[in-house]
Amino acid sequence: MPLPVIAAIIRQDDQVLLCQRKEGALAGKWEFPGGKIENGETPEECLVREIEEELGIAIEVDSIYQAVHTHYDHGDFLLIGYLARHIGGEISLRVHSAYAWVDVGRLAEYDLAEANIPIAQSLKEEGNPSRTGVGPNGRSD
């Protein structure tokens, strides 16, 4: 049974917040910030708490965006990404070595932890309406 990990896809304009892991099995990798659910917590409560603990900012959590099942050498994980908005506070790094507000189209330029890659790909495709092959007037390009 995979361990659920909840991640916040925090958007601001056309950018998304990425954080770089300082230590652990995925040290140096970039990720959408978040963490593990504690007993009695909803995923939304988990994200609000984790983002406050890790980054010192307040967020408002929206809906689930995408879930990704990934197997790493250190375990089996189900990363559940929620869309979220930054609603207050200044970022202060407590468990990460760096953070960046990244244009959705440039997410692939970062060395993302494996479970984060499909989410980044979906965000990029969603931000690129030309991928449908249908122009703005409904005719094929």
N, C-alpha and C. Protein backbone atom coordinates (compact mmCIF):
# COMPACT_ATOMS: atom_id res chain seq x y z
N MET A 1 0.85 -1.19 0.00
CA MET A 1 0.00 0.00 0.00
C MET A 1 0.88 1.25 0.00
N PRO A 2 0.73 2.12 -1.00
CA PRO A 2 1.59 3.31 -1.05
C PRO A 2 1.27 4.29 0.08
N LEU A 3 2.30 5.00 0.50
CA LEU A 3 2.15 6.02 1.53
C LEU A 3 1.66 7.31 0.86
N PRO A 4 0.51 7.86 1.30
CA PRO A 4 0.05 9.11 0.67
C PRO A 4 0.87 10.31 1.12
N VAL A 5 1.26 11.11 0.17
CA VAL A 5 1.96 12.37 0.43
C VAL A 5 1.17 13.45 -0.29
N ILE A 6 0.91 14.56 0.41
CA ILE A 6 0.08 15.62 -0.13
C ILE A 6 0.98 16.78 -0.55
N ALA A 7 0.77 17.29 -1.75
CA ALA A 7 1.59 18.39 -2.26
C ALA A 7 0.72 19.57 -2.67
N ALA A 8 1.26 20.77 -2.47
CA ALA A 8 0.54 21.99 -2.85
C ALA A 8 1.10 22.53 -4.16
N ILE A 9 0.22 22.72 -5.11
CA ILE A 9 0.58 23.37 -6.36
C ILE A 9 0.14 24.82 -6.19
N ILE A 10 1.06 25.62 -5.66
CA ILE A 10 0.73 27.01 -5.30
C ILE A 10 0.99 27.89 -6.51
N ARG A 11 -0.09 28.46 -7.05
CA ARG A 11 0.02 29.28 -8.25
C ARG A 11 -0.08 30.76 -7.91
N GLN A 12 0.70 31.53 -8.66
CA GLN A 12 0.66 32.98 -8.54
C GLN A 12 0.88 33.51 -9.95
N ASP A 13 -0.14 34.14 -10.50
CA ASP A 13 -0.12 34.55 -11.91
C ASP A 13 0.10 33.30 -12.76
N ASP A 14 1.13 33.30 -13.63
CA ASP A 14 1.40 32.11 -14.45
C ASP A 14 2.55 31.30 -13.88
N GLN A 15 2.83 31.49 -12.61
CA GLN A 15 3.96 30.79 -12.01
C GLN A 15 3.51 29.84 -10.91
N VAL A 16 4.37 28.85 -10.64
CA VAL A 16 4.10 27.84 -9.63
C VAL A 16 5.31 27.78 -8.70
N LEU A 17 5.06 27.55 -7.41
CA LEU A 17 6.13 27.48 -6.43
C LEU A 17 6.77 26.09 -6.40
N LEU A 18 8.09 26.07 -6.58
CA LEU A 18 8.88 24.84 -6.42
C LEU A 18 9.85 25.05 -5.27
N CYS A 19 10.14 23.98 -4.53
CA CYS A 19 11.10 24.03 -3.44
C CYS A 19 12.13 22.92 -3.65
N GLN A 20 13.38 23.21 -3.25
CA GLN A 20 14.46 22.24 -3.41
C GLN A 20 14.73 21.56 -2.06
N ARG A 21 14.72 20.23 -2.09
CA ARG A 21 14.93 19.46 -0.86
C ARG A 21 16.36 19.60 -0.37
N LYS A 22 16.49 19.82 0.94
CA LYS A 22 17.80 20.02 1.55
C LYS A 22 18.46 18.69 1.90
N GLU A 23 17.65 17.74 2.42
CA GLU A 23 18.22 16.49 2.89
C GLU A 23 17.29 15.33 2.63
N GLY A 24 17.76 14.12 2.98
CA GLY A 24 16.94 12.93 2.78
C GLY A 24 17.23 12.26 1.45
N ALA A 25 16.40 11.27 1.14
CA ALA A 25 16.62 10.44 -0.05
C ALA A 25 16.59 11.26 -1.34
N LEU A 26 15.84 12.34 -1.35
CA LEU A 26 15.69 13.14 -2.58
C LEU A 26 16.38 14.50 -2.47
N ALA A 27 17.43 14.58 -1.66
CA ALA A 27 18.15 15.84 -1.48
C ALA A 27 18.58 16.41 -2.82
N GLY A 28 18.38 17.73 -3.00
CA GLY A 28 18.77 18.40 -4.23
C GLY A 28 17.67 18.42 -5.29
N LYS A 29 16.69 17.55 -5.15
CA LYS A 29 15.58 17.52 -6.12
C LYS A 29 14.59 18.64 -5.82
N TRP A 30 13.92 19.10 -6.86
CA TRP A 30 12.88 20.12 -6.73
C TRP A 30 11.53 19.44 -6.63
N GLU A 31 10.60 20.06 -5.89
CA GLU A 31 9.30 19.45 -5.67
C GLU A 31 8.25 20.51 -5.41
N PHE A 32 6.99 20.08 -5.52
CA PHE A 32 5.89 20.89 -5.03
C PHE A 32 5.87 20.63 -3.52
N PRO A 33 5.86 21.67 -2.68
CA PRO A 33 5.98 21.46 -1.23
C PRO A 33 4.75 20.77 -0.63
N GLY A 34 4.96 20.10 0.49
CA GLY A 34 3.87 19.41 1.17
C GLY A 34 4.42 18.41 2.17
N GLY A 35 3.67 17.35 2.42
CA GLY A 35 4.13 16.36 3.37
C GLY A 35 3.10 15.28 3.66
N LYS A 36 3.35 14.56 4.74
CA LYS A 36 2.52 13.42 5.11
C LYS A 36 1.38 13.83 6.04
N ILE A 37 0.24 13.18 5.85
CA ILE A 37 -0.94 13.42 6.69
C ILE A 37 -0.70 12.86 8.09
N GLU A 38 -1.08 13.63 9.09
CA GLU A 38 -1.04 13.14 10.47
C GLU A 38 -2.41 12.58 10.83
N ASN A 39 -2.46 11.74 11.87
CA ASN A 39 -3.72 11.13 12.30
C ASN A 39 -4.81 12.17 12.51
N GLY A 40 -5.99 11.89 11.96
CA GLY A 40 -7.13 12.77 12.17
C GLY A 40 -7.17 14.00 11.28
N GLU A 41 -6.18 14.14 10.39
CA GLU A 41 -6.10 15.31 9.51
C GLU A 41 -6.73 15.02 8.16
N THR A 42 -7.37 16.01 7.58
CA THR A 42 -7.79 15.89 6.18
C THR A 42 -6.58 16.27 5.32
N PRO A 43 -6.57 15.89 4.04
CA PRO A 43 -5.46 16.31 3.17
C PRO A 43 -5.31 17.84 3.13
N GLU A 44 -6.44 18.54 3.13
CA GLU A 44 -6.39 20.02 3.08
C GLU A 44 -5.75 20.58 4.35
N GLU A 45 -6.13 20.03 5.51
CA GLU A 45 -5.53 20.48 6.77
C GLU A 45 -4.04 20.18 6.80
N CYS A 46 -3.68 19.02 6.28
CA CYS A 46 -2.27 18.63 6.20
C CYS A 46 -1.48 19.67 5.42
N LEU A 47 -2.00 20.06 4.27
CA LEU A 47 -1.27 21.02 3.42
C LEU A 47 -1.12 22.37 4.10
N VAL A 48 -2.20 22.86 4.69
CA VAL A 48 -2.13 24.16 5.38
C VAL A 48 -1.06 24.10 6.46
N ARG A 49 -1.03 23.01 7.25
CA ARG A 49 -0.05 22.84 8.33
C ARG A 49 1.37 22.70 7.78
N GLU A 50 1.54 21.80 6.80
CA GLU A 50 2.88 21.56 6.26
C GLU A 50 3.49 22.83 5.63
N ILE A 51 2.69 23.56 4.87
CA ILE A 51 3.20 24.76 4.20
C ILE A 51 3.55 25.83 5.24
N GLU A 52 2.73 25.93 6.29
CA GLU A 52 3.04 26.86 7.38
C GLU A 52 4.34 26.44 8.07
N GLU A 53 4.48 25.14 8.38
CA GLU A 53 5.69 24.65 9.06
C GLU A 53 6.94 24.79 8.20
N GLU A 54 6.83 24.45 6.92
CA GLU A 54 8.00 24.41 6.05
C GLU A 54 8.37 25.77 5.46
N LEU A 55 7.37 26.60 5.17
CA LEU A 55 7.63 27.84 4.43
C LEU A 55 7.17 29.10 5.15
N GLY A 56 6.40 28.94 6.23
CA GLY A 56 5.94 30.09 6.98
C GLY A 56 4.90 30.94 6.29
N ILE A 57 4.20 30.36 5.32
CA ILE A 57 3.16 31.13 4.62
C ILE A 57 1.80 30.46 4.79
N ALA A 58 0.75 31.25 4.59
CA ALA A 58 -0.61 30.75 4.65
C ALA A 58 -1.10 30.48 3.23
N ILE A 59 -1.80 29.35 3.07
CA ILE A 59 -2.38 29.03 1.76
C ILE A 59 -3.84 28.68 1.94
N GLU A 60 -4.56 28.79 0.83
CA GLU A 60 -5.94 28.33 0.76
C GLU A 60 -5.93 27.18 -0.24
N VAL A 61 -6.44 26.03 0.17
CA VAL A 61 -6.39 24.83 -0.65
C VAL A 61 -7.67 24.69 -1.47
N ASP A 62 -7.49 24.43 -2.77
CA ASP A 62 -8.62 24.21 -3.66
C ASP A 62 -8.81 22.70 -3.85
N SER A 63 -9.04 22.30 -5.08
CA SER A 63 -9.36 20.90 -5.36
C SER A 63 -8.11 20.08 -5.68
N ILE A 64 -8.30 18.75 -5.68
CA ILE A 64 -7.23 17.85 -6.11
C ILE A 64 -6.96 18.15 -7.59
N TYR A 65 -5.68 18.22 -7.94
CA TYR A 65 -5.31 18.44 -9.33
C TYR A 65 -4.95 17.12 -10.01
N GLN A 66 -4.07 16.36 -9.34
CA GLN A 66 -3.60 15.11 -9.94
C GLN A 66 -2.96 14.24 -8.88
N ALA A 67 -3.12 12.93 -9.02
CA ALA A 67 -2.46 11.98 -8.11
C ALA A 67 -1.49 11.14 -8.93
N VAL A 68 -0.31 10.89 -8.36
CA VAL A 68 0.74 10.15 -9.06
C VAL A 68 1.30 9.08 -8.13
N HIS A 69 1.28 7.83 -8.60
CA HIS A 69 1.85 6.72 -7.83
C HIS A 69 3.28 6.53 -8.31
N THR A 70 4.24 6.54 -7.38
CA THR A 70 5.65 6.40 -7.73
C THR A 70 6.35 5.46 -6.75
N HIS A 71 7.24 4.67 -7.29
CA HIS A 71 8.06 3.80 -6.43
C HIS A 71 9.50 4.31 -6.45
N TYR A 72 9.99 4.64 -5.26
CA TYR A 72 11.39 5.02 -5.08
C TYR A 72 12.09 3.88 -4.35
N ASP A 73 13.42 3.93 -4.29
CA ASP A 73 14.18 2.94 -3.52
C ASP A 73 13.75 2.95 -2.05
N HIS A 74 13.36 4.10 -1.54
CA HIS A 74 13.00 4.22 -0.12
C HIS A 74 11.50 4.03 0.14
N GLY A 75 10.74 3.63 -0.86
CA GLY A 75 9.32 3.35 -0.61
C GLY A 75 8.40 3.62 -1.77
N ASP A 76 7.15 3.29 -1.54
CA ASP A 76 6.07 3.41 -2.51
C ASP A 76 5.19 4.58 -2.07
N PHE A 77 4.96 5.55 -2.96
CA PHE A 77 4.25 6.76 -2.57
C PHE A 77 3.12 7.09 -3.54
N LEU A 78 2.06 7.67 -3.00
CA LEU A 78 1.00 8.24 -3.81
C LEU A 78 1.02 9.74 -3.54
N LEU A 79 1.54 10.50 -4.51
CA LEU A 79 1.62 11.95 -4.37
C LEU A 79 0.29 12.53 -4.86
N ILE A 80 -0.40 13.23 -3.97
CA ILE A 80 -1.68 13.84 -4.33
C ILE A 80 -1.50 15.35 -4.35
N GLY A 81 -1.54 15.90 -5.55
CA GLY A 81 -1.32 17.34 -5.73
C GLY A 81 -2.63 18.11 -5.69
N TYR A 82 -2.68 19.12 -4.83
CA TYR A 82 -3.84 20.01 -4.71
C TYR A 82 -3.48 21.39 -5.23
N LEU A 83 -4.40 22.01 -5.94
CA LEU A 83 -4.21 23.40 -6.32
C LEU A 83 -4.38 24.25 -5.06
N ALA A 84 -3.56 25.29 -4.94
CA ALA A 84 -3.62 26.14 -3.76
C ALA A 84 -3.21 27.56 -4.12
N ARG A 85 -3.59 28.50 -3.25
CA ARG A 85 -3.23 29.91 -3.45
C ARG A 85 -2.51 30.43 -2.22
N HIS A 86 -1.49 31.23 -2.45
CA HIS A 86 -0.75 31.90 -1.38
C HIS A 86 -1.63 33.06 -0.90
N ILE A 87 -2.01 33.05 0.38
CA ILE A 87 -2.89 34.11 0.87
C ILE A 87 -2.24 35.00 1.94
N GLY A 88 -1.01 34.66 2.36
CA GLY A 88 -0.38 35.54 3.34
C GLY A 88 0.98 35.06 3.79
N GLY A 89 1.80 36.01 4.20
CA GLY A 89 3.12 35.71 4.74
C GLY A 89 4.21 35.74 3.69
N GLU A 90 5.44 35.84 4.18
CA GLU A 90 6.62 35.83 3.32
C GLU A 90 7.29 34.46 3.46
N ILE A 91 7.75 33.91 2.36
CA ILE A 91 8.39 32.59 2.41
C ILE A 91 9.68 32.65 3.22
N SER A 92 9.80 31.73 4.16
CA SER A 92 11.06 31.57 4.88
C SER A 92 11.37 30.08 4.89
N LEU A 93 12.52 29.73 4.34
CA LEU A 93 12.89 28.33 4.17
C LEU A 93 13.29 27.71 5.50
N ARG A 94 12.60 26.62 5.87
CA ARG A 94 12.88 25.93 7.13
C ARG A 94 13.40 24.53 6.89
N VAL A 95 12.95 23.87 5.83
CA VAL A 95 13.42 22.51 5.54
C VAL A 95 13.95 22.37 4.10
N HIS A 96 13.85 23.42 3.32
CA HIS A 96 14.33 23.39 1.94
C HIS A 96 15.57 24.27 1.82
N SER A 97 16.36 24.00 0.76
CA SER A 97 17.56 24.81 0.55
C SER A 97 17.31 25.99 -0.37
N ALA A 98 16.23 25.93 -1.17
CA ALA A 98 15.92 27.02 -2.11
C ALA A 98 14.45 26.92 -2.52
N TYR A 99 13.94 28.02 -3.06
CA TYR A 99 12.61 28.00 -3.67
C TYR A 99 12.64 28.88 -4.90
N ALA A 100 11.67 28.66 -5.78
CA ALA A 100 11.59 29.46 -7.01
C ALA A 100 10.14 29.53 -7.47
N TRP A 101 9.74 30.71 -7.94
CA TRP A 101 8.47 30.85 -8.65
C TRP A 101 8.81 30.62 -10.11
N VAL A 102 8.23 29.57 -10.70
CA VAL A 102 8.64 29.11 -12.02
C VAL A 102 7.49 29.23 -13.01
N ASP A 103 7.79 29.78 -14.19
CA ASP A 103 6.79 29.80 -15.25
C ASP A 103 6.43 28.36 -15.57
N VAL A 104 5.14 28.10 -15.74
CA VAL A 104 4.66 26.74 -15.98
C VAL A 104 5.40 26.09 -17.15
N GLY A 105 5.68 26.85 -18.19
CA GLY A 105 6.38 26.31 -19.35
C GLY A 105 7.82 25.94 -19.09
N ARG A 106 8.38 26.36 -17.95
CA ARG A 106 9.79 26.09 -17.65
C ARG A 106 9.99 25.04 -16.54
N LEU A 107 8.91 24.42 -16.08
CA LEU A 107 9.01 23.45 -14.99
C LEU A 107 9.97 22.30 -15.33
N ALA A 108 9.99 21.88 -16.60
CA ALA A 108 10.84 20.75 -17.00
C ALA A 108 12.34 21.08 -16.92
N GLU A 109 12.68 22.36 -16.79
CA GLU A 109 14.09 22.74 -16.68
C GLU A 109 14.66 22.46 -15.29
N TYR A 110 13.78 22.14 -14.34
CA TYR A 110 14.22 21.86 -12.97
C TYR A 110 14.35 20.35 -12.78
N ASP A 111 15.30 19.94 -11.94
CA ASP A 111 15.52 18.53 -11.64
C ASP A 111 14.47 18.09 -10.62
N LEU A 112 13.29 17.75 -11.13
CA LEU A 112 12.16 17.42 -10.27
C LEU A 112 12.25 16.00 -9.71
N ALA A 113 11.76 15.83 -8.47
CA ALA A 113 11.58 14.49 -7.93
C ALA A 113 10.59 13.77 -8.84
N GLU A 114 10.81 12.48 -9.05
CA GLU A 114 10.08 11.72 -10.06
C GLU A 114 8.56 11.87 -9.97
N ALA A 115 8.00 11.80 -8.77
CA ALA A 115 6.54 11.87 -8.62
C ALA A 115 5.97 13.22 -9.05
N ASN A 116 6.81 14.25 -9.07
CA ASN A 116 6.36 15.60 -9.44
C ASN A 116 6.33 15.83 -10.95
N ILE A 117 7.01 14.99 -11.71
CA ILE A 117 7.16 15.21 -13.15
C ILE A 117 5.81 15.15 -13.89
N PRO A 118 4.96 14.13 -13.66
CA PRO A 118 3.67 14.12 -14.39
C PRO A 118 2.81 15.34 -14.07
N ILE A 119 2.85 15.82 -12.84
CA ILE A 119 2.08 17.01 -12.48
C ILE A 119 2.61 18.23 -13.23
N ALA A 120 3.92 18.37 -13.26
CA ALA A 120 4.54 19.49 -14.00
C ALA A 120 4.17 19.43 -15.47
N GLN A 121 4.17 18.21 -16.04
CA GLN A 121 3.83 18.03 -17.45
C GLN A 121 2.38 18.44 -17.71
N SER A 122 1.47 18.04 -16.83
CA SER A 122 0.06 18.41 -16.99
C SER A 122 -0.13 19.92 -16.90
N LEU A 123 0.56 20.55 -15.95
CA LEU A 123 0.46 22.01 -15.81
C LEU A 123 0.94 22.71 -17.07
N LYS A 124 2.04 22.20 -17.63
CA LYS A 124 2.60 22.80 -18.84
C LYS A 124 1.63 22.65 -20.01
N GLU A 125 1.07 21.45 -20.17
CA GLU A 125 0.14 21.21 -21.28
C GLU A 125 -1.11 22.07 -21.14
N GLU A 126 -1.59 22.18 -19.91
CA GLU A 126 -2.77 22.98 -19.63
C GLU A 126 -2.53 24.46 -19.95
N GLY A 127 -1.30 24.91 -19.73
CA GLY A 127 -0.93 26.30 -19.98
C GLY A 127 -0.61 26.58 -21.43
N ASN A 128 -0.70 25.55 -22.28
CA ASN A 128 -0.35 25.69 -23.69
C ASN A 128 -1.55 25.26 -24.53
N PRO A 129 -2.51 26.17 -24.76
CA PRO A 129 -3.74 25.80 -25.46
C PRO A 129 -3.51 25.31 -26.88
N SER A 130 -2.37 25.61 -27.48
CA SER A 130 -2.14 25.20 -28.86
C SER A 130 -1.99 23.68 -28.97
N ARG A 131 -1.79 22.99 -27.87
CA ARG A 131 -1.60 21.53 -27.93
C ARG A 131 -2.83 20.80 -28.43
N THR A 132 -4.00 21.43 -28.34
CA THR A 132 -5.24 20.77 -28.76
C THR A 132 -5.34 20.70 -30.28
N GLY A 133 -4.62 21.55 -30.98
CA GLY A 133 -4.72 21.58 -32.43
C GLY A 133 -5.96 22.33 -32.90
N VAL A 134 -6.70 22.92 -31.98
CA VAL A 134 -7.88 23.69 -32.34
C VAL A 134 -7.60 25.16 -32.04
N GLY A 135 -7.85 25.99 -33.01
CA GLY A 135 -7.58 27.42 -32.84
C GLY A 135 -8.63 28.08 -31.97
N PRO A 136 -8.43 29.36 -31.63
CA PRO A 136 -9.34 30.06 -30.74
C PRO A 136 -10.77 30.20 -31.29
N ASN A 137 -10.91 30.07 -32.61
CA ASN A 137 -12.23 30.21 -33.21
C ASN A 137 -12.90 28.85 -33.42
N GLY A 138 -12.29 27.78 -32.88
CA GLY A 138 -12.88 26.45 -32.95
C GLY A 138 -12.51 25.66 -34.19
N ARG A 139 -11.80 26.29 -35.15
CA ARG A 139 -11.39 25.56 -36.34
C ARG A 139 -10.04 24.90 -36.09
N SER A 140 -9.78 23.81 -36.80
CA SER A 140 -8.48 23.15 -36.66
C SER A 140 -7.40 24.06 -37.22
N ASP A 141 -6.25 24.00 -36.58
CA ASP A 141 -5.11 24.81 -37.04
C ASP A 141 -4.50 24.19 -38.28
